Amino acid sequence: MLDQFVKMTQRIIAEDGFDNYLPTLLLPATREVRVLDQVDGGGESLGITDWLAEQVEPEEDFLVAFKVDEANFMVVGRIDGQPCERLCAVESPGR
């Protein structure tokens, strides 16, 4: 699931660019994808945390991708009840 979400995110970035990439949430149980179109507060991560608290139930599995710097994005979440985290390059290796 995590690998698929990373590849999907890399494809979207390749098509749409990375300059204006918005945090993106996947809820695996419903296959629903949501995009955070505004980040309130002083820091992006604080805005994402608040947004997630509103979007995800306490025990619900989820994955969220967000821009870290000009060449990387972070994916964090919970799959099968276990926390997961991965720093990913914008482009997949071998491209």
N, C-alpha and C. Protein backbone atom coordinates (compact mmCIF):
# COMPACT_ATOMS: atom_id res chain seq x y z
N MET A 1 0.83 -1.19 0.00
CA MET A 1 0.00 0.00 0.00
C MET A 1 0.87 1.25 0.00
N LEU A 2 1.89 1.28 0.87
CA LEU A 2 2.77 2.45 0.95
C LEU A 2 3.50 2.66 -0.37
N ASP A 3 4.06 1.59 -0.93
CA ASP A 3 4.78 1.70 -2.20
C ASP A 3 3.88 2.22 -3.31
N GLN A 4 2.64 1.74 -3.36
CA GLN A 4 1.69 2.18 -4.39
C GLN A 4 1.38 3.66 -4.24
N PHE A 5 1.21 4.12 -3.01
CA PHE A 5 0.91 5.53 -2.76
C PHE A 5 2.09 6.41 -3.16
N VAL A 6 3.32 5.96 -2.85
CA VAL A 6 4.51 6.71 -3.24
C VAL A 6 4.58 6.82 -4.76
N LYS A 7 4.38 5.71 -5.46
CA LYS A 7 4.44 5.72 -6.94
C LYS A 7 3.35 6.61 -7.52
N MET A 8 2.15 6.55 -6.95
CA MET A 8 1.05 7.40 -7.42
C MET A 8 1.42 8.88 -7.23
N THR A 9 1.99 9.20 -6.07
CA THR A 9 2.38 10.58 -5.79
C THR A 9 3.47 11.03 -6.76
N GLN A 10 4.44 10.19 -7.05
CA GLN A 10 5.50 10.54 -8.00
C GLN A 10 4.93 10.77 -9.40
N ARG A 11 3.95 9.97 -9.80
CA ARG A 11 3.31 10.16 -11.12
C ARG A 11 2.58 11.49 -11.18
N ILE A 12 1.85 11.82 -10.13
CA ILE A 12 1.11 13.09 -10.09
C ILE A 12 2.08 14.26 -10.17
N ILE A 13 3.17 14.18 -9.41
CA ILE A 13 4.17 15.26 -9.43
C ILE A 13 4.80 15.37 -10.80
N ALA A 14 5.09 14.24 -11.45
CA ALA A 14 5.67 14.26 -12.80
C ALA A 14 4.73 14.94 -13.79
N GLU A 15 3.43 14.74 -13.62
CA GLU A 15 2.44 15.33 -14.53
C GLU A 15 2.15 16.80 -14.22
N ASP A 16 2.01 17.12 -12.93
CA ASP A 16 1.54 18.45 -12.53
C ASP A 16 2.63 19.38 -12.00
N GLY A 17 3.82 18.85 -11.76
CA GLY A 17 4.88 19.65 -11.18
C GLY A 17 4.86 19.59 -9.67
N PHE A 18 5.93 20.09 -9.05
CA PHE A 18 6.09 19.98 -7.60
C PHE A 18 5.99 21.33 -6.90
N ASP A 19 6.08 22.42 -7.67
CA ASP A 19 6.09 23.76 -7.07
C ASP A 19 4.87 24.02 -6.19
N ASN A 20 3.71 23.63 -6.65
CA ASN A 20 2.47 23.90 -5.91
C ASN A 20 1.82 22.64 -5.37
N TYR A 21 2.64 21.61 -5.10
CA TYR A 21 2.10 20.35 -4.58
C TYR A 21 1.43 20.58 -3.23
N LEU A 22 0.25 20.04 -3.06
CA LEU A 22 -0.52 20.19 -1.83
C LEU A 22 -0.56 18.87 -1.07
N PRO A 23 -0.56 18.91 0.25
CA PRO A 23 -0.66 17.67 1.03
C PRO A 23 -1.86 16.84 0.57
N THR A 24 -1.62 15.54 0.42
CA THR A 24 -2.63 14.64 -0.13
C THR A 24 -2.81 13.45 0.81
N LEU A 25 -4.06 13.15 1.12
CA LEU A 25 -4.43 12.10 2.07
C LEU A 25 -5.11 10.96 1.33
N LEU A 26 -4.73 9.73 1.67
CA LEU A 26 -5.41 8.54 1.16
C LEU A 26 -5.99 7.79 2.35
N LEU A 27 -7.28 7.45 2.25
CA LEU A 27 -7.94 6.60 3.25
C LEU A 27 -8.16 5.24 2.59
N PRO A 28 -7.30 4.26 2.88
CA PRO A 28 -7.35 2.98 2.17
C PRO A 28 -8.68 2.24 2.29
N ALA A 29 -9.35 2.32 3.42
CA ALA A 29 -10.60 1.57 3.60
C ALA A 29 -11.66 1.97 2.59
N THR A 30 -11.67 3.25 2.22
CA THR A 30 -12.68 3.74 1.27
C THR A 30 -12.07 4.12 -0.08
N ARG A 31 -10.73 4.04 -0.17
CA ARG A 31 -9.98 4.45 -1.37
C ARG A 31 -10.22 5.92 -1.70
N GLU A 32 -10.53 6.68 -0.69
CA GLU A 32 -10.80 8.10 -0.86
C GLU A 32 -9.49 8.90 -0.80
N VAL A 33 -9.37 9.86 -1.71
CA VAL A 33 -8.22 10.76 -1.73
C VAL A 33 -8.73 12.16 -1.46
N ARG A 34 -8.06 12.86 -0.53
CA ARG A 34 -8.43 14.24 -0.20
C ARG A 34 -7.18 15.11 -0.27
N VAL A 35 -7.36 16.35 -0.70
CA VAL A 35 -6.24 17.29 -0.82
C VAL A 35 -6.48 18.47 0.11
N LEU A 36 -5.43 18.83 0.85
CA LEU A 36 -5.49 20.00 1.73
C LEU A 36 -5.22 21.22 0.88
N ASP A 37 -6.23 22.07 0.69
CA ASP A 37 -6.04 23.22 -0.18
C ASP A 37 -5.63 24.48 0.56
N GLN A 38 -5.63 24.44 1.89
CA GLN A 38 -5.15 25.58 2.69
C GLN A 38 -4.41 25.03 3.89
N VAL A 39 -3.33 25.69 4.24
CA VAL A 39 -2.62 25.34 5.47
C VAL A 39 -2.68 26.55 6.37
N ASP A 40 -3.37 26.41 7.48
CA ASP A 40 -3.49 27.50 8.45
C ASP A 40 -2.37 27.41 9.47
N GLY A 41 -2.11 28.47 10.14
CA GLY A 41 -1.11 28.47 11.21
C GLY A 41 0.25 28.84 10.66
N GLY A 42 1.22 28.86 11.56
CA GLY A 42 2.57 29.29 11.21
C GLY A 42 3.36 28.28 10.43
N GLY A 43 3.17 26.98 10.68
CA GLY A 43 3.98 25.97 10.01
C GLY A 43 3.14 24.99 9.25
N GLU A 44 3.66 24.52 8.14
CA GLU A 44 2.90 23.60 7.30
C GLU A 44 2.57 22.32 8.05
N SER A 45 3.53 21.77 8.79
CA SER A 45 3.27 20.51 9.47
C SER A 45 2.18 20.65 10.53
N LEU A 46 2.12 21.79 11.21
CA LEU A 46 1.05 22.03 12.17
C LEU A 46 -0.29 22.03 11.47
N GLY A 47 -0.38 22.68 10.32
CA GLY A 47 -1.62 22.69 9.55
C GLY A 47 -2.03 21.30 9.11
N ILE A 48 -1.07 20.49 8.70
CA ILE A 48 -1.35 19.12 8.28
C ILE A 48 -1.85 18.30 9.47
N THR A 49 -1.22 18.46 10.61
CA THR A 49 -1.63 17.72 11.80
C THR A 49 -3.07 18.04 12.18
N ASP A 50 -3.40 19.31 12.19
CA ASP A 50 -4.77 19.72 12.51
C ASP A 50 -5.76 19.17 11.49
N TRP A 51 -5.40 19.25 10.21
CA TRP A 51 -6.26 18.75 9.13
C TRP A 51 -6.49 17.26 9.29
N LEU A 52 -5.42 16.50 9.57
CA LEU A 52 -5.54 15.05 9.74
C LEU A 52 -6.46 14.70 10.90
N ALA A 53 -6.36 15.46 11.99
CA ALA A 53 -7.21 15.20 13.15
C ALA A 53 -8.68 15.32 12.79
N GLU A 54 -8.99 16.19 11.83
CA GLU A 54 -10.38 16.37 11.39
C GLU A 54 -10.80 15.31 10.37
N GLN A 55 -9.85 14.73 9.65
CA GLN A 55 -10.16 13.83 8.53
C GLN A 55 -10.12 12.35 8.87
N VAL A 56 -9.30 11.97 9.86
CA VAL A 56 -9.01 10.56 10.12
C VAL A 56 -9.49 10.18 11.52
N GLU A 57 -10.20 9.06 11.59
CA GLU A 57 -10.64 8.53 12.88
C GLU A 57 -9.42 8.00 13.65
N PRO A 58 -9.48 7.96 14.98
CA PRO A 58 -8.30 7.59 15.79
C PRO A 58 -7.66 6.25 15.41
N GLU A 59 -8.40 5.25 15.01
CA GLU A 59 -7.82 3.94 14.68
C GLU A 59 -7.81 3.67 13.17
N GLU A 60 -8.18 4.64 12.37
CA GLU A 60 -8.30 4.46 10.93
C GLU A 60 -6.93 4.48 10.25
N ASP A 61 -6.74 3.59 9.27
CA ASP A 61 -5.52 3.60 8.48
C ASP A 61 -5.55 4.78 7.52
N PHE A 62 -4.37 5.36 7.26
CA PHE A 62 -4.28 6.48 6.33
C PHE A 62 -2.84 6.63 5.86
N LEU A 63 -2.68 7.35 4.77
CA LEU A 63 -1.37 7.79 4.29
C LEU A 63 -1.52 9.24 3.86
N VAL A 64 -0.53 10.06 4.17
CA VAL A 64 -0.54 11.44 3.73
C VAL A 64 0.84 11.78 3.19
N ALA A 65 0.86 12.46 2.05
CA ALA A 65 2.12 12.90 1.44
C ALA A 65 2.16 14.42 1.48
N PHE A 66 3.35 14.96 1.80
CA PHE A 66 3.51 16.41 1.81
C PHE A 66 4.93 16.77 1.42
N LYS A 67 5.08 17.95 0.86
CA LYS A 67 6.36 18.45 0.38
C LYS A 67 7.27 18.76 1.57
N VAL A 68 8.53 18.30 1.48
CA VAL A 68 9.52 18.57 2.52
C VAL A 68 10.49 19.65 2.06
N ASP A 69 10.97 19.52 0.83
CA ASP A 69 11.88 20.50 0.24
C ASP A 69 11.71 20.42 -1.28
N GLU A 70 12.60 21.03 -2.02
CA GLU A 70 12.44 21.11 -3.48
C GLU A 70 12.61 19.77 -4.20
N ALA A 71 13.18 18.77 -3.52
CA ALA A 71 13.44 17.49 -4.18
C ALA A 71 12.80 16.29 -3.50
N ASN A 72 12.11 16.51 -2.38
CA ASN A 72 11.59 15.38 -1.60
C ASN A 72 10.20 15.66 -1.03
N PHE A 73 9.48 14.56 -0.85
CA PHE A 73 8.22 14.61 -0.11
C PHE A 73 8.24 13.51 0.94
N MET A 74 7.45 13.69 1.98
CA MET A 74 7.36 12.73 3.07
C MET A 74 6.00 12.07 3.01
N VAL A 75 5.99 10.77 3.27
CA VAL A 75 4.74 10.04 3.43
C VAL A 75 4.72 9.50 4.85
N VAL A 76 3.66 9.81 5.57
CA VAL A 76 3.47 9.28 6.91
C VAL A 76 2.07 8.72 7.00
N GLY A 77 1.87 7.84 7.96
CA GLY A 77 0.53 7.30 8.12
C GLY A 77 0.48 6.09 9.01
N ARG A 78 -0.58 5.32 8.82
CA ARG A 78 -0.81 4.11 9.60
C ARG A 78 -1.42 3.08 8.65
N ILE A 79 -0.77 1.92 8.55
CA ILE A 79 -1.26 0.82 7.71
C ILE A 79 -1.36 -0.42 8.59
N ASP A 80 -2.50 -1.07 8.55
CA ASP A 80 -2.76 -2.24 9.41
C ASP A 80 -2.46 -1.93 10.87
N GLY A 81 -2.79 -0.70 11.27
CA GLY A 81 -2.61 -0.28 12.65
C GLY A 81 -1.19 0.09 13.04
N GLN A 82 -0.24 -0.03 12.10
CA GLN A 82 1.17 0.24 12.40
C GLN A 82 1.59 1.56 11.77
N PRO A 83 2.28 2.42 12.54
CA PRO A 83 2.76 3.68 11.97
C PRO A 83 3.81 3.42 10.88
N CYS A 84 3.82 4.29 9.88
CA CYS A 84 4.81 4.18 8.82
C CYS A 84 5.24 5.58 8.41
N GLU A 85 6.44 5.66 7.87
CA GLU A 85 7.01 6.95 7.46
C GLU A 85 8.08 6.67 6.41
N ARG A 86 8.09 7.50 5.35
CA ARG A 86 9.12 7.35 4.33
C ARG A 86 9.39 8.69 3.67
N LEU A 87 10.68 9.03 3.57
CA LEU A 87 11.12 10.20 2.82
C LEU A 87 11.35 9.74 1.39
N CYS A 88 10.76 10.45 0.42
CA CYS A 88 10.80 10.01 -0.97
C CYS A 88 11.31 11.11 -1.87
N ALA A 89 12.10 10.71 -2.87
CA ALA A 89 12.53 11.65 -3.89
C ALA A 89 11.37 11.94 -4.82
N VAL A 90 11.36 13.16 -5.36
CA VAL A 90 10.28 13.54 -6.28
C VAL A 90 10.25 12.61 -7.48
N GLU A 91 11.41 12.27 -8.01
CA GLU A 91 11.48 11.36 -9.14
C GLU A 91 11.90 10.00 -8.65
N SER A 92 11.27 8.96 -9.20
CA SER A 92 11.64 7.62 -8.81
C SER A 92 13.01 7.28 -9.39
N PRO A 93 13.77 6.42 -8.72
CA PRO A 93 15.09 6.04 -9.24
C PRO A 93 14.97 5.41 -10.62
N GLY A 94 15.95 5.67 -11.46
CA GLY A 94 15.95 5.09 -12.79
C GLY A 94 15.25 5.91 -13.83
N ARG A 95 14.73 7.07 -13.47
CA ARG A 95 14.04 7.91 -14.46
C ARG A 95 15.01 8.80 -15.15
